[in-house]
Amino acid sequence: MWSEGISAAEKDSTESESDPPSTEVKDLVNVLTQQRVYREVTLALRSGLRDARAEFSFLRVRGLTRLLKFLRSVAQSDLTINLFSQTQSISELQVVPVLFQHSLNESEDEIVSTLDHIFDVEPMKITSPSTDSEVSLALRVLEGCCLLHKDSTTLAHHYKAIQVLMTILSTRGVLEQGACLDALISIMLESSANQMDFEACNGIEEVAELIIDKQVDENLRFFLLFIFALFF
């Protein structure tokens, strides 16, 4: 292994650290390591995104779970964070669009059947609606993407993320609301466009109403109060 050659060279007291051959080998090993990690990153993304685009919720949940686990592993080193950021410039590997096109899509036509011809009936194409756990996972993945890759907040802005999240915050259950608050913070940090959208959506009033609503979970109300104090 190249790495074994490096270790042997370092232990050899007759060679200095500035020896040109050793430096060249180290550079080669670094390049090969980066290429290997990049392949692993892209493979994990493709696998998770494939399921996240699926028609059925249980498959999308599986894909989102993989993506969330992947993002947590990415956060452990600067190398993987940089490589992940590079992949998000490739449209087919971008995570945020998939989240809003599938799991966070609140379209009324969630169950669709398509007939290509009047007399030639094609098999029905059914897209199951997003479950509570799916929405919660999608919000966690959105949070991770925005924290690891700042340009993901710009992508989220293109998909009217603030409007979508405010709808989730006011209509969904405690599980989704908690994840929604974390996602709100992540997409508004260092993003003036999303902060302006929050103001345009009367976000302050919405948060204030939830804070004073005694039917809302107490921990959630406390978190809302924290967000209110943090940004305003």
Protein backbone atom coordinates (compact mmCIF):
# COMPACT_ATOMS: atom_id res chain seq x y z
CA MET A 1 0.00 0.00 0.00
CA TRP A 2 1.14 3.54 -0.69
CA SER A 3 0.38 4.49 2.91
CA GLU A 4 2.66 1.71 4.18
CA GLY A 5 5.46 3.09 2.04
CA ILE A 6 4.97 6.50 3.65
CA SER A 7 5.13 5.05 7.17
CA ALA A 8 8.33 3.17 6.36
CA ALA A 9 9.87 6.31 4.91
CA GLU A 10 9.00 8.35 8.00
CA LYS A 11 10.62 5.78 10.30
CA ASP A 12 13.82 5.75 8.31
CA SER A 13 16.14 8.10 10.16
CA THR A 14 18.43 8.38 7.15
CA GLU A 15 15.82 10.30 5.16
CA SER A 16 14.73 13.82 5.93
CA GLU A 17 11.11 14.99 5.94
CA SER A 18 11.78 17.21 2.92
CA ASP A 19 12.93 14.33 0.74
CA PRO A 20 11.37 14.90 -2.74
CA PRO A 21 10.36 11.26 -3.46
CA SER A 22 8.52 11.01 -0.12
CA THR A 23 6.69 14.27 -0.80
CA GLU A 24 5.63 13.07 -4.23
CA VAL A 25 4.28 9.84 -2.81
CA LYS A 26 2.37 11.72 -0.13
CA ASP A 27 0.81 13.98 -2.75
CA LEU A 28 -0.18 10.97 -4.83
CA VAL A 29 -1.74 9.25 -1.82
CA ASN A 30 -3.69 12.40 -0.97
CA VAL A 31 -5.04 12.65 -4.51
CA LEU A 32 -6.02 8.98 -4.60
CA THR A 33 -7.65 9.25 -1.17
CA GLN A 34 -9.65 12.29 -2.24
CA GLN A 35 -10.80 10.56 -5.40
CA ARG A 36 -11.89 7.50 -3.44
CA VAL A 37 -13.81 9.57 -0.89
CA TYR A 38 -15.45 11.57 -3.69
CA ARG A 39 -16.67 8.34 -5.31
CA GLU A 40 -18.05 7.20 -1.96
CA VAL A 41 -19.81 10.55 -1.46
CA THR A 42 -21.42 10.52 -4.92
CA LEU A 43 -22.45 6.87 -4.55
CA ALA A 44 -24.13 7.54 -1.21
CA LEU A 45 -25.91 10.58 -2.66
CA ARG A 46 -27.15 8.74 -5.75
CA SER A 47 -28.44 5.86 -3.63
CA GLY A 48 -30.29 8.10 -1.18
CA LEU A 49 -31.69 10.42 -3.85
CA ARG A 50 -32.95 7.51 -5.94
CA ASP A 51 -35.23 6.38 -3.11
CA ALA A 52 -36.06 9.97 -2.11
CA ARG A 53 -37.59 10.43 -5.59
CA ALA A 54 -39.71 7.28 -5.32
CA GLU A 55 -43.48 7.25 -5.73
CA PHE A 56 -44.18 5.56 -2.41
CA SER A 57 -43.66 7.15 0.96
CA PHE A 58 -41.97 4.16 2.60
CA LEU A 59 -39.28 4.22 -0.10
CA ARG A 60 -38.81 7.97 0.27
CA VAL A 61 -38.45 7.50 4.04
CA ARG A 62 -35.73 4.95 3.41
CA GLY A 63 -33.92 7.33 1.08
CA LEU A 64 -34.22 10.26 3.49
CA THR A 65 -32.91 8.12 6.34
CA ARG A 66 -29.87 7.25 4.24
CA LEU A 67 -29.33 10.89 3.32
CA LEU A 68 -29.57 12.01 6.95
CA LYS A 69 -27.09 9.36 8.05
CA PHE A 70 -24.83 10.38 5.17
CA LEU A 71 -24.93 14.07 6.13
CA ARG A 72 -24.02 13.23 9.72
CA SER A 73 -20.97 11.32 8.53
CA VAL A 74 -20.05 14.15 6.15
CA ALA A 75 -19.96 16.63 9.04
CA GLN A 76 -17.12 14.70 10.71
CA SER A 77 -14.33 16.06 8.48
CA ASP A 78 -13.51 19.13 6.40
CA LEU A 79 -12.60 16.92 3.44
CA THR A 80 -16.03 15.32 3.18
CA ILE A 81 -17.76 18.67 3.76
CA ASN A 82 -15.82 20.19 0.86
CA LEU A 83 -16.54 17.21 -1.37
CA PHE A 84 -20.24 17.35 -0.52
CA SER A 85 -20.28 21.05 -1.38
CA GLN A 86 -18.73 20.23 -4.75
CA THR A 87 -21.43 17.68 -5.52
CA GLN A 88 -24.18 20.25 -4.90
CA SER A 89 -23.09 22.15 -8.01
CA ILE A 90 -24.19 19.10 -10.05
CA SER A 91 -27.94 19.24 -10.67
CA GLU A 92 -28.55 15.49 -10.50
CA LEU A 93 -26.88 15.30 -7.09
CA GLN A 94 -28.55 18.32 -5.50
CA VAL A 95 -30.53 17.34 -2.42
CA VAL A 96 -32.67 20.40 -1.71
CA PRO A 97 -34.71 20.31 -4.97
CA VAL A 98 -35.60 16.66 -4.37
CA LEU A 99 -36.88 17.48 -0.88
CA PHE A 100 -39.26 20.17 -2.12
CA GLN A 101 -40.34 18.31 -5.24
CA HIS A 102 -41.29 15.14 -3.38
CA SER A 103 -41.43 14.98 0.44
CA LEU A 104 -42.26 18.65 1.09
CA ASN A 105 -44.57 18.98 -1.90
CA GLU A 106 -48.03 20.01 -0.72
CA SER A 107 -49.72 19.77 -4.12
CA GLU A 108 -53.38 18.80 -4.07
CA ASP A 109 -52.85 16.22 -6.80
CA GLU A 110 -50.81 13.81 -4.73
CA ILE A 111 -52.56 10.73 -6.08
CA VAL A 112 -52.36 10.81 -9.87
CA SER A 113 -53.50 8.36 -12.51
CA THR A 114 -52.37 8.87 -16.12
CA LEU A 115 -54.10 7.64 -19.28
CA ASP A 116 -52.00 8.07 -22.41
CA HIS A 117 -54.73 7.01 -24.80
CA ILE A 118 -58.48 6.88 -24.58
CA PHE A 119 -58.76 3.19 -25.39
CA ASP A 120 -55.25 2.10 -24.48
CA VAL A 121 -55.17 2.36 -20.69
CA GLU A 122 -51.73 2.55 -19.13
CA PRO A 123 -51.07 1.26 -15.59
CA MET A 124 -51.88 3.83 -12.92
CA LYS A 125 -49.04 5.93 -11.60
CA ILE A 126 -49.68 6.50 -7.91
CA THR A 127 -47.73 8.88 -5.72
CA SER A 128 -48.52 8.37 -2.05
CA PRO A 129 -48.78 11.46 0.17
CA SER A 130 -46.01 12.35 2.58
CA THR A 131 -46.34 10.84 6.04
CA ASP A 132 -45.47 12.67 9.25
CA SER A 133 -42.19 10.80 9.61
CA GLU A 134 -41.28 11.54 6.00
CA VAL A 135 -41.86 15.28 6.39
CA SER A 136 -39.86 15.30 9.63
CA LEU A 137 -36.94 13.46 8.00
CA ALA A 138 -37.03 15.76 4.98
CA LEU A 139 -36.81 18.79 7.26
CA ARG A 140 -33.83 17.28 9.10
CA VAL A 141 -32.09 16.64 5.80
CA LEU A 142 -32.85 20.20 4.70
CA GLU A 143 -31.36 21.51 7.95
CA GLY A 144 -28.18 19.46 7.44
CA CYS A 145 -27.76 20.58 3.84
CA CYS A 146 -28.08 24.26 4.74
CA LEU A 147 -25.65 23.99 7.65
CA LEU A 148 -23.02 22.13 5.62
CA HIS A 149 -23.48 23.98 2.33
CA LYS A 150 -24.47 27.64 2.48
CA ASP A 151 -25.60 27.77 -1.15
CA SER A 152 -28.33 25.28 -0.25
CA THR A 153 -30.14 28.18 1.44
CA THR A 154 -30.25 29.88 -1.95
CA LEU A 155 -31.67 26.73 -3.53
CA ALA A 156 -34.26 26.57 -0.75
CA HIS A 157 -35.22 30.18 -1.47
CA HIS A 158 -35.95 29.26 -5.11
CA TYR A 159 -38.46 26.69 -3.87
CA LYS A 160 -40.21 29.20 -1.56
CA ALA A 161 -38.90 27.36 1.47
CA ILE A 162 -40.13 29.88 4.02
CA GLN A 163 -43.71 29.67 2.76
CA VAL A 164 -43.59 25.87 2.79
CA LEU A 165 -42.10 25.70 6.27
CA MET A 166 -44.54 28.22 7.72
CA THR A 167 -47.40 26.10 6.37
CA ILE A 168 -45.91 23.02 8.01
CA LEU A 169 -45.42 24.91 11.26
CA SER A 170 -49.06 25.95 11.42
CA THR A 171 -50.72 22.76 10.17
CA ARG A 172 -48.59 19.74 11.13
CA GLY A 173 -48.03 17.93 14.41
CA VAL A 174 -45.42 18.31 17.12
CA LEU A 175 -42.93 15.96 15.41
CA GLU A 176 -42.84 18.00 12.21
CA GLN A 177 -43.04 21.34 14.02
CA GLY A 178 -39.90 20.66 16.02
CA ALA A 179 -37.95 19.69 12.90
CA CYS A 180 -39.46 22.65 11.08
CA LEU A 181 -38.12 25.12 13.63
CA ASP A 182 -34.59 23.75 13.29
CA ALA A 183 -34.88 23.95 9.51
CA LEU A 184 -36.15 27.53 9.71
CA ILE A 185 -33.11 28.60 11.70
CA SER A 186 -30.72 26.89 9.29
CA ILE A 187 -32.18 28.44 6.13
CA MET A 188 -32.39 31.94 7.62
CA LEU A 189 -28.84 32.03 8.98
CA GLU A 190 -26.75 34.36 6.79
CA SER A 191 -29.54 34.46 4.20
CA SER A 192 -31.12 37.87 3.79
CA ALA A 193 -33.42 36.56 1.03
CA ASN A 194 -34.99 33.97 3.32
CA GLN A 195 -35.21 36.45 6.18
CA MET A 196 -37.09 38.84 3.90
CA ASP A 197 -39.41 36.02 2.88
CA PHE A 198 -40.06 35.32 6.56
CA GLU A 199 -41.08 38.92 7.08
CA ALA A 200 -43.21 38.90 3.91
CA CYS A 201 -45.06 35.81 5.19
CA ASN A 202 -45.84 37.64 8.43
CA GLY A 203 -43.60 35.16 10.16
CA ILE A 204 -43.31 37.30 13.28
CA GLU A 205 -47.09 37.32 13.74
CA GLU A 206 -47.30 33.59 13.10
CA VAL A 207 -44.62 32.86 15.68
CA ALA A 208 -46.25 35.21 18.20
CA GLU A 209 -49.61 33.45 17.79
CA LEU A 210 -48.03 30.05 18.37
CA ILE A 211 -46.19 31.33 21.45
CA ILE A 212 -49.37 32.51 23.14
CA ASP A 213 -51.39 29.44 22.07
CA LYS A 214 -51.57 27.28 25.21
CA GLN A 215 -52.58 24.24 23.14
CA VAL A 216 -49.16 24.22 21.50
CA ASP A 217 -46.54 21.99 23.12
CA GLU A 218 -44.71 23.84 25.90
CA ASN A 219 -41.24 22.94 24.63
CA LEU A 220 -42.22 24.10 21.16
CA ARG A 221 -43.48 27.42 22.54
CA PHE A 222 -40.19 27.91 24.37
CA PHE A 223 -38.24 27.19 21.18
CA LEU A 224 -40.41 29.65 19.25
CA LEU A 225 -39.69 32.29 21.86
CA PHE A 226 -35.98 31.58 21.44
CA ILE A 227 -36.22 32.05 17.65
CA PHE A 228 -38.17 35.27 18.15
CA ALA A 229 -35.45 36.62 20.44
CA LEU A 230 -32.64 35.37 18.18
CA PHE A 231 -33.75 37.00 14.95
CA PHE A 232 -35.89 39.86 16.08
